[in-house]
Amino acid sequence: MIIDPRYDELAAGLAGFSTKLEAGERVLIDAFDVPDAMVVALVRAARARGAIPYVQLHRARITRELMLGATKDMYAPHAAVELERMQSMDAYIALRGSENIFENSDIPATRVQTVARAMKPVLDHRVNDTKWVVLRWPTSAMAQQAAMSTEAFEDFYFRVCTLDYARMIPGMKALAKLMEKTDRVQITGPGTDLSFSIKDIGACACGGDRNIPDGEVFSCPVKNSVEGVVQYNAPTVYLGSSFDGIRLEFKKGKVVKATASTPKSTKRLNEILDSDPGARYIGEFAIGFNPHILEPMRDILFDEKIAGSFHFTPGQAYAHCGNGNKSQVHWDMVCIQRPDWGGGEIRFDGKLVRKDGLFVPKSLQKLNPAYLLGGKK
């Protein structure tokens, strides 16, 4: 099989830098509507490192049909099998393509929640107990989301996904270290005035070893500490529904008011936030800085890494750098603070850390685009 050399380059990075596969390790390659050639490239890259590859193929139309009739009795045996398989894996690589990002938009919320509850132990084990990396696959649908030609989007995709992520390491370490020492965080901008504590939560740097594309450092608010309001300016898609202009108000950590740009989307937003008690509390706070990603495209693996952005996530917290919040929801909502998006500031314990999307302290300036795109070290 003749394989696009960009496939081989990406596969080598996923098996090497991202998951650091070692001889004898088992890796599950989970492919959702991805070309066979890319799956073959991943199998070969895993074998080249002495690892043992396993492959699972998914098709969106078939998955939708199964979910339309989802019941607890139907998914319980499936989840048990998937959990046993995941427990036998050392690593997990998922590529997720989609010709229609709204493929699941007509699945009733109760069916979606049934599947999410059944599969949550599988997700938890994968996230907490394997080496993993997840990425999208470029399709014409994604190109449309990005308002780009298919060829231009593919070039953009491979440029972003094969970025020299090692270049992020010094700045990420400095930001994580600063966040670990921080108590109070204040974020201000158009429609946003938030304050919360991240004391003793810790911080995790993400530079190509969990998601591709990557470029964020995340922590989590102390669960009951969030006060104020956040106005997100990036559009978002969750559970097959699209949202614009989400605004959340907090008291003692809980979302007490949630609105979006239309009455219909406001109703759907609140339905999701009412999925369980934890969905109205925040499970992640993260700062994004990928220099190639500047505009939202309704794909969260890209949008949450936008240069000059932060995301503030209702729902499930991670086991590491988390606050213990539990939920079937984990919804990364993004606010961009570059001047062309209205600007904004982030302060740690009263000190200015980022202004209008650019890091201010000298130790963090290696996370600014001028350095990450190849400027002086």
Protein backbone atom coordinates (compact mmCIF):
# COMPACT_ATOMS: atom_id res chain seq x y z
CA MET A 1 0.00 0.00 0.00
CA ILE A 2 1.32 3.44 -0.98
CA ILE A 3 0.95 5.79 1.98
CA ASP A 4 1.09 9.59 1.97
CA PRO A 5 4.40 10.46 3.69
CA ARG A 6 2.48 12.88 5.94
CA TYR A 7 0.59 9.86 7.31
CA ASP A 8 3.86 8.16 8.19
CA GLU A 9 5.19 11.32 9.86
CA LEU A 10 2.05 11.73 11.95
CA ALA A 11 1.92 8.03 12.87
CA ALA A 12 5.54 8.09 13.98
CA GLY A 13 4.84 11.06 16.23
CA LEU A 14 1.78 9.42 17.78
CA ALA A 15 3.61 6.15 18.48
CA GLY A 16 6.77 7.94 19.60
CA PHE A 17 6.50 11.39 21.16
CA SER A 18 2.82 11.11 22.15
CA THR A 19 2.48 7.61 23.61
CA LYS A 20 6.14 6.55 23.80
CA LEU A 21 5.31 2.97 22.90
CA GLU A 22 7.80 0.40 24.14
CA ALA A 23 8.55 -3.16 23.11
CA GLY A 24 5.84 -5.57 24.18
CA GLU A 25 3.24 -2.91 25.03
CA ARG A 26 -0.29 -3.37 23.74
CA VAL A 27 -1.87 -0.43 21.96
CA LEU A 28 -5.51 -0.10 20.85
CA ILE A 29 -5.91 1.91 17.65
CA ASP A 30 -9.49 3.23 17.64
CA ALA A 31 -10.36 4.55 14.16
CA PHE A 32 -13.59 6.45 13.45
CA ASP A 33 -14.23 6.95 9.72
CA VAL A 34 -10.49 7.15 8.99
CA PRO A 35 -8.78 6.04 5.75
CA ASP A 36 -7.36 2.53 5.87
CA ALA A 37 -3.96 3.91 4.82
CA MET A 38 -3.68 5.92 8.04
CA VAL A 39 -4.60 2.93 10.16
CA VAL A 40 -1.97 0.86 8.34
CA ALA A 41 0.58 3.62 8.97
CA LEU A 42 -0.22 3.48 12.70
CA VAL A 43 0.03 -0.31 12.81
CA ARG A 44 3.44 -0.13 11.14
CA ALA A 45 4.62 2.68 13.43
CA ALA A 46 3.62 0.67 16.52
CA ARG A 47 5.37 -2.45 15.25
CA ALA A 48 8.49 -0.45 14.43
CA ARG A 49 8.78 0.29 18.14
CA GLY A 50 8.18 -3.34 19.11
CA ALA A 51 4.64 -2.71 20.35
CA ILE A 52 1.63 -4.94 19.66
CA PRO A 53 -1.15 -3.12 17.78
CA TYR A 54 -4.87 -3.89 18.02
CA VAL A 55 -7.43 -2.15 15.81
CA GLN A 56 -11.10 -1.24 16.21
CA LEU A 57 -12.98 0.42 13.32
CA HIS A 58 -16.10 2.57 13.74
CA ARG A 59 -18.59 4.05 11.28
CA ALA A 60 -20.69 7.05 12.37
CA ARG A 61 -23.90 6.03 10.62
CA ILE A 62 -23.82 2.61 12.28
CA THR A 63 -23.00 4.06 15.69
CA ARG A 64 -25.94 6.47 15.36
CA GLU A 65 -28.32 3.63 14.54
CA LEU A 66 -27.20 1.65 17.57
CA MET A 67 -27.56 4.67 19.86
CA LEU A 68 -31.08 5.40 18.64
CA GLY A 69 -32.18 2.19 20.34
CA ALA A 70 -29.77 2.31 23.27
CA THR A 71 -30.94 0.75 26.53
CA LYS A 72 -29.10 -0.07 29.73
CA ASP A 73 -29.57 -3.80 29.13
CA MET A 74 -28.16 -3.47 25.63
CA TYR A 75 -25.04 -1.47 26.54
CA ALA A 76 -24.13 -3.12 29.86
CA PRO A 77 -22.62 -6.27 28.24
CA HIS A 78 -20.94 -4.14 25.56
CA ALA A 79 -19.39 -1.88 28.20
CA ALA A 80 -18.17 -4.90 30.18
CA VAL A 81 -16.39 -6.29 27.11
CA GLU A 82 -14.89 -2.89 26.25
CA LEU A 83 -13.69 -2.38 29.82
CA GLU A 84 -12.00 -5.78 29.91
CA ARG A 85 -10.25 -5.02 26.64
CA MET A 86 -9.16 -1.56 27.78
CA GLN A 87 -7.79 -3.04 31.00
CA SER A 88 -5.52 -5.26 28.91
CA MET A 89 -4.05 -2.30 26.99
CA ASP A 90 -1.02 -0.20 27.84
CA ALA A 91 -1.80 2.57 25.35
CA TYR A 92 -4.64 3.99 23.30
CA ILE A 93 -4.55 5.97 20.04
CA ALA A 94 -7.84 7.30 18.67
CA LEU A 95 -8.38 9.01 15.31
CA ARG A 96 -11.85 10.47 14.85
CA GLY A 97 -13.09 11.50 11.45
CA SER A 98 -16.58 12.76 10.69
CA GLU A 99 -18.30 13.67 7.44
CA ASN A 100 -21.14 15.25 9.44
CA ILE A 101 -20.52 16.76 12.86
CA PHE A 102 -24.28 16.75 13.47
CA GLU A 103 -24.69 13.02 12.80
CA ASN A 104 -25.93 12.45 16.36
CA SER A 105 -28.07 15.58 16.64
CA ASP A 106 -31.37 13.68 16.44
CA ILE A 107 -30.50 11.06 19.07
CA PRO A 108 -32.70 11.67 22.14
CA ALA A 109 -30.77 13.00 25.13
CA THR A 110 -31.91 10.08 27.26
CA ARG A 111 -30.32 7.62 24.81
CA VAL A 112 -27.07 9.58 24.77
CA GLN A 113 -27.02 9.64 28.57
CA THR A 114 -27.66 5.88 28.71
CA VAL A 115 -24.62 5.21 26.54
CA ALA A 116 -22.46 7.75 28.42
CA ARG A 117 -23.28 6.21 31.80
CA ALA A 118 -22.63 2.68 30.55
CA MET A 119 -19.30 3.55 28.92
CA LYS A 120 -17.98 5.87 31.64
CA PRO A 121 -15.88 3.15 33.39
CA VAL A 122 -14.19 2.46 30.05
CA LEU A 123 -13.44 6.16 29.57
CA ASP A 124 -12.18 6.53 33.13
CA HIS A 125 -9.79 3.59 32.79
CA ARG A 126 -8.51 4.80 29.44
CA VAL A 127 -7.89 8.34 30.72
CA ASN A 128 -6.43 7.41 34.10
CA ASP A 129 -4.64 4.11 33.50
CA THR A 130 -3.26 4.04 29.94
CA LYS A 131 -0.94 6.15 27.85
CA TRP A 132 -3.30 7.79 25.37
CA VAL A 133 -3.61 10.32 22.60
CA VAL A 134 -6.73 11.42 20.70
CA LEU A 135 -6.99 13.40 17.49
CA ARG A 136 -9.43 14.33 14.76
CA TRP A 137 -8.99 13.32 11.14
CA PRO A 138 -9.26 15.96 8.38
CA THR A 139 -12.41 15.67 6.26
CA SER A 140 -14.30 17.91 3.87
CA ALA A 141 -16.78 18.53 6.71
CA MET A 142 -13.98 19.89 8.90
CA ALA A 143 -12.77 22.06 6.03
CA GLN A 144 -16.26 23.53 5.78
CA GLN A 145 -16.28 24.19 9.53
CA ALA A 146 -12.99 26.04 9.15
CA ALA A 147 -14.25 27.90 6.04
CA MET A 148 -11.29 26.56 4.05
CA SER A 149 -10.81 24.52 0.90
CA THR A 150 -10.24 20.81 1.49
CA GLU A 151 -6.63 21.02 0.26
CA ALA A 152 -5.83 24.10 2.34
CA PHE A 153 -7.37 22.53 5.42
CA GLU A 154 -5.37 19.32 5.00
CA ASP A 155 -2.16 21.37 4.76
CA PHE A 156 -3.20 23.28 7.91
CA TYR A 157 -4.07 20.04 9.71
CA PHE A 158 -0.75 18.32 9.10
CA ARG A 159 1.16 21.52 9.89
CA VAL A 160 -0.60 21.74 13.27
CA CYS A 161 -0.44 18.04 14.08
CA THR A 162 3.25 17.63 13.24
CA LEU A 163 4.32 20.82 15.06
CA ASP A 164 7.55 20.52 17.05
CA TYR A 165 5.72 20.03 20.34
CA ALA A 166 9.00 19.62 22.22
CA ARG A 167 9.47 23.37 21.74
CA MET A 168 6.55 23.97 24.12
CA ILE A 169 8.15 22.12 27.03
CA PRO A 170 10.13 24.95 28.74
CA GLY A 171 7.23 27.39 28.73
CA MET A 172 4.69 24.75 29.75
CA LYS A 173 6.82 23.69 32.70
CA ALA A 174 7.11 27.29 33.83
CA LEU A 175 3.37 27.88 33.55
CA ALA A 176 2.52 24.63 35.37
CA LYS A 177 4.96 25.52 38.15
CA LEU A 178 3.38 28.95 38.53
CA MET A 179 -0.14 27.50 38.61
CA GLU A 180 0.90 24.99 41.26
CA LYS A 181 1.89 27.90 43.52
CA THR A 182 -1.23 29.96 42.80
CA ASP A 183 -4.25 30.38 45.03
CA ARG A 184 -6.55 32.98 43.46
CA VAL A 185 -7.27 33.32 39.75
CA GLN A 186 -9.11 36.29 38.28
CA ILE A 187 -10.20 36.45 34.65
CA THR A 188 -11.69 39.59 33.12
CA GLY A 189 -12.81 40.56 29.64
CA PRO A 190 -15.95 41.55 27.72
CA GLY A 191 -18.84 40.07 29.69
CA THR A 192 -16.47 38.11 31.94
CA ASP A 193 -15.51 38.68 35.56
CA LEU A 194 -14.55 35.39 37.20
CA SER A 195 -12.68 34.58 40.37
CA PHE A 196 -11.80 31.20 41.88
CA SER A 197 -9.10 29.29 43.73
CA ILE A 198 -6.79 26.58 42.34
CA LYS A 199 -4.91 26.19 45.61
CA ASP A 200 -3.34 22.72 46.05
CA ILE A 201 -5.03 21.39 42.87
CA GLY A 202 -1.84 21.18 40.81
CA ALA A 203 -1.37 21.69 37.07
CA CYS A 204 -0.80 19.44 34.07
CA ALA A 205 1.10 20.47 30.93
CA CYS A 206 -0.24 19.10 27.64
CA GLY A 207 2.12 19.37 24.71
CA GLY A 208 1.37 16.57 22.28
CA ASP A 209 1.21 13.61 24.65
CA ARG A 210 -2.58 13.47 25.14
CA ASN A 211 -4.31 15.34 22.34
CA ILE A 212 -3.19 16.28 18.86
CA PRO A 213 -3.28 19.14 18.19
CA ASP A 214 -2.14 20.23 21.62
CA GLY A 215 -0.92 23.21 23.57
CA GLU A 216 -2.49 23.84 26.96
CA VAL A 217 -1.82 23.72 30.68
CA PHE A 218 -4.80 22.79 32.80
CA SER A 219 -5.77 22.86 36.44
CA CYS A 220 -9.16 22.95 38.14
CA PRO A 221 -11.00 25.30 40.48
CA VAL A 222 -11.59 24.32 44.08
CA LYS A 223 -15.13 23.05 43.59
CA ASN A 224 -17.10 25.62 45.58
CA SER A 225 -14.81 28.59 44.95
CA VAL A 226 -16.07 29.87 41.58
CA GLU A 227 -17.84 33.22 41.67
CA GLY A 228 -18.90 35.60 38.93
CA VAL A 229 -19.74 35.30 35.26
CA VAL A 230 -18.06 34.08 32.08
CA GLN A 231 -19.11 34.99 28.54
CA TYR A 232 -17.73 32.48 26.02
CA ASN A 233 -17.12 33.87 22.54
CA ALA A 234 -16.20 30.69 20.66
CA PRO A 235 -19.03 28.57 19.23
CA THR A 236 -19.26 25.02 20.51
CA VAL A 237 -20.84 21.69 19.54
CA TYR A 238 -21.81 19.20 22.23
CA LEU A 239 -23.88 16.02 21.94
CA GLY A 240 -24.68 16.90 18.35
CA SER A 241 -26.06 20.37 19.12
CA SER A 242 -24.44 23.69 18.21
CA PHE A 243 -24.27 26.64 20.62
CA ASP A 244 -23.20 30.29 20.37
CA GLY A 245 -22.86 32.97 23.00
CA ILE A 246 -22.97 30.77 26.09
CA ARG A 247 -22.97 32.75 29.33
CA LEU A 248 -22.67 31.12 32.76
CA GLU A 249 -23.19 32.71 36.18
CA PHE A 250 -21.71 31.10 39.31
CA LYS A 251 -22.37 31.19 43.03
CA LYS A 252 -20.34 29.04 45.40
CA GLY A 253 -19.00 27.05 42.47
CA LYS A 254 -22.35 26.18 40.91
CA VAL A 255 -23.82 27.39 37.61
CA VAL A 256 -26.96 29.19 38.78
CA LYS A 257 -27.87 30.69 35.41
CA ALA A 258 -26.99 29.51 31.91
CA THR A 259 -28.00 31.16 28.65
CA ALA A 260 -27.07 30.91 24.97
CA SER A 261 -27.86 32.93 21.87
CA THR A 262 -31.38 31.56 21.26
CA PRO A 263 -34.20 30.25 23.47
CA LYS A 264 -33.90 26.82 21.82
CA SER A 265 -30.17 26.52 22.53
CA THR A 266 -30.64 27.91 26.05
CA LYS A 267 -33.16 25.15 26.73
CA ARG A 268 -30.80 22.50 25.36
CA LEU A 269 -27.86 23.97 27.32
CA ASN A 270 -29.76 23.67 30.58
CA GLU A 271 -30.93 20.14 29.75
CA ILE A 272 -27.28 19.10 29.45
CA LEU A 273 -26.28 20.95 32.63
CA ASP A 274 -29.10 19.15 34.45
CA SER A 275 -27.81 15.71 33.38
CA ASP A 276 -26.51 15.09 36.90
CA PRO A 277 -25.52 17.14 39.97
CA GLY A 278 -21.88 17.49 38.90
CA ALA A 279 -22.65 18.98 35.49
CA ARG A 280 -23.22 22.46 37.00
CA TYR A 281 -19.78 22.53 38.64
CA ILE A 282 -16.47 23.17 36.89
CA GLY A 283 -14.13 20.26 36.25
CA GLU A 284 -11.29 22.01 34.39
CA PHE A 285 -9.63 25.37 33.90
CA ALA A 286 -7.05 25.53 31.10
CA ILE A 287 -5.00 28.06 29.16
CA GLY A 288 -4.43 27.42 25.43
CA PHE A 289 -1.48 28.55 23.30
CA ASN A 290 -1.11 26.62 20.03
CA PRO A 291 0.31 29.26 17.65
CA HIS A 292 -1.14 27.71 14.49
CA ILE A 293 -4.75 27.67 15.76
CA LEU A 294 -6.30 31.12 15.74
CA GLU A 295 -9.98 30.76 14.88
CA PRO A 296 -12.70 28.43 16.23
CA MET A 297 -14.05 25.72 13.95
CA ARG A 298 -16.56 23.97 16.26
CA ASP A 299 -14.13 21.13 16.88
CA ILE A 300 -13.04 21.15 20.49
CA LEU A 301 -9.72 19.34 20.05
CA PHE A 302 -8.67 22.32 17.94
CA ASP A 303 -10.66 25.11 19.57
CA GLU A 304 -9.50 24.48 23.15
CA LYS A 305 -5.88 25.01 22.01
CA ILE A 306 -6.50 28.37 20.29
CA ALA A 307 -3.66 30.81 20.90
CA GLY A 308 -4.72 33.37 23.50
CA SER A 309 -7.69 31.35 24.78
CA PHE A 310 -8.81 29.71 27.99
CA HIS A 311 -11.47 27.08 28.56
CA PHE A 312 -13.63 26.67 31.62
CA THR A 313 -15.28 23.27 31.63
CA PRO A 314 -18.54 22.23 33.28
CA GLY A 315 -18.61 18.61 34.44
CA GLN A 316 -16.20 15.79 35.10
CA ALA A 317 -12.80 16.60 36.60
CA TYR A 318 -9.69 14.62 35.75
CA ALA A 319 -8.21 12.33 38.38
CA HIS A 320 -4.95 14.30 38.18
CA CYS A 321 -5.12 18.05 38.77
CA GLY A 322 -8.84 17.76 39.52
CA ASN A 323 -11.25 18.73 42.28
CA GLY A 324 -13.08 15.42 42.58
CA ASN A 325 -16.18 16.56 40.69
CA LYS A 326 -18.08 13.68 39.07
CA SER A 327 -20.32 13.94 36.03
CA GLN A 328 -21.11 12.26 32.73
CA VAL A 329 -20.61 15.72 31.17
CA HIS A 330 -17.21 17.19 30.31
CA TRP A 331 -17.88 20.21 28.10
CA ASP A 332 -14.89 22.37 27.17
CA MET A 333 -16.22 25.88 26.52
CA VAL A 334 -13.75 28.38 25.07
CA CYS A 335 -13.14 32.10 25.42
CA ILE A 336 -10.56 33.83 23.19
CA GLN A 337 -8.81 36.87 24.68
CA ARG A 338 -6.72 38.19 21.79
CA PRO A 339 -7.46 41.84 20.82
CA ASP A 340 -9.33 40.79 17.67
CA TRP A 341 -11.74 38.90 19.95
CA GLY A 342 -12.18 41.67 22.52
CA GLY A 343 -9.08 41.15 24.67
CA GLY A 344 -8.93 40.22 28.33
CA GLU A 345 -6.65 39.53 31.28
CA ILE A 346 -5.72 36.61 33.52
CA ARG A 347 -4.20 37.31 36.93
CA PHE A 348 -2.72 34.87 39.45
CA ASP A 349 -2.79 36.13 43.03
CA GLY A 350 -3.22 39.66 41.72
CA LYS A 351 -0.28 39.54 39.28
CA LEU A 352 -0.88 39.93 35.54
CA VAL A 353 -0.03 36.67 33.76
CA ARG A 354 -1.59 37.14 30.34
CA LYS A 355 -2.94 40.26 28.64
CA ASP A 356 -4.84 40.21 25.35
CA GLY A 357 -3.68 36.66 24.67
CA LEU A 358 0.06 37.19 25.26
CA PHE A 359 1.97 36.00 28.34
CA VAL A 360 3.60 38.81 30.30
CA PRO A 361 6.16 37.23 32.73
CA LYS A 362 9.50 36.57 31.06
CA SER A 363 9.46 32.91 32.15
CA LEU A 364 6.22 32.37 30.20
CA GLN A 365 7.06 34.26 27.01
CA LYS A 366 8.25 31.03 25.36
CA LEU A 367 4.55 30.16 25.07
CA ASN A 368 3.90 33.19 22.85
CA PRO A 369 3.65 32.64 19.08
CA ALA A 370 6.88 34.52 18.34
CA TYR A 371 8.85 31.78 20.06
CA LEU A 372 6.74 28.71 19.30
CA LEU A 373 6.77 29.47 15.56
CA GLY A 374 10.55 29.37 15.48
CA GLY A 375 11.80 32.61 16.96
CA LYS A 376 14.93 32.92 19.05
CA LYS A 377 15.29 30.52 21.95
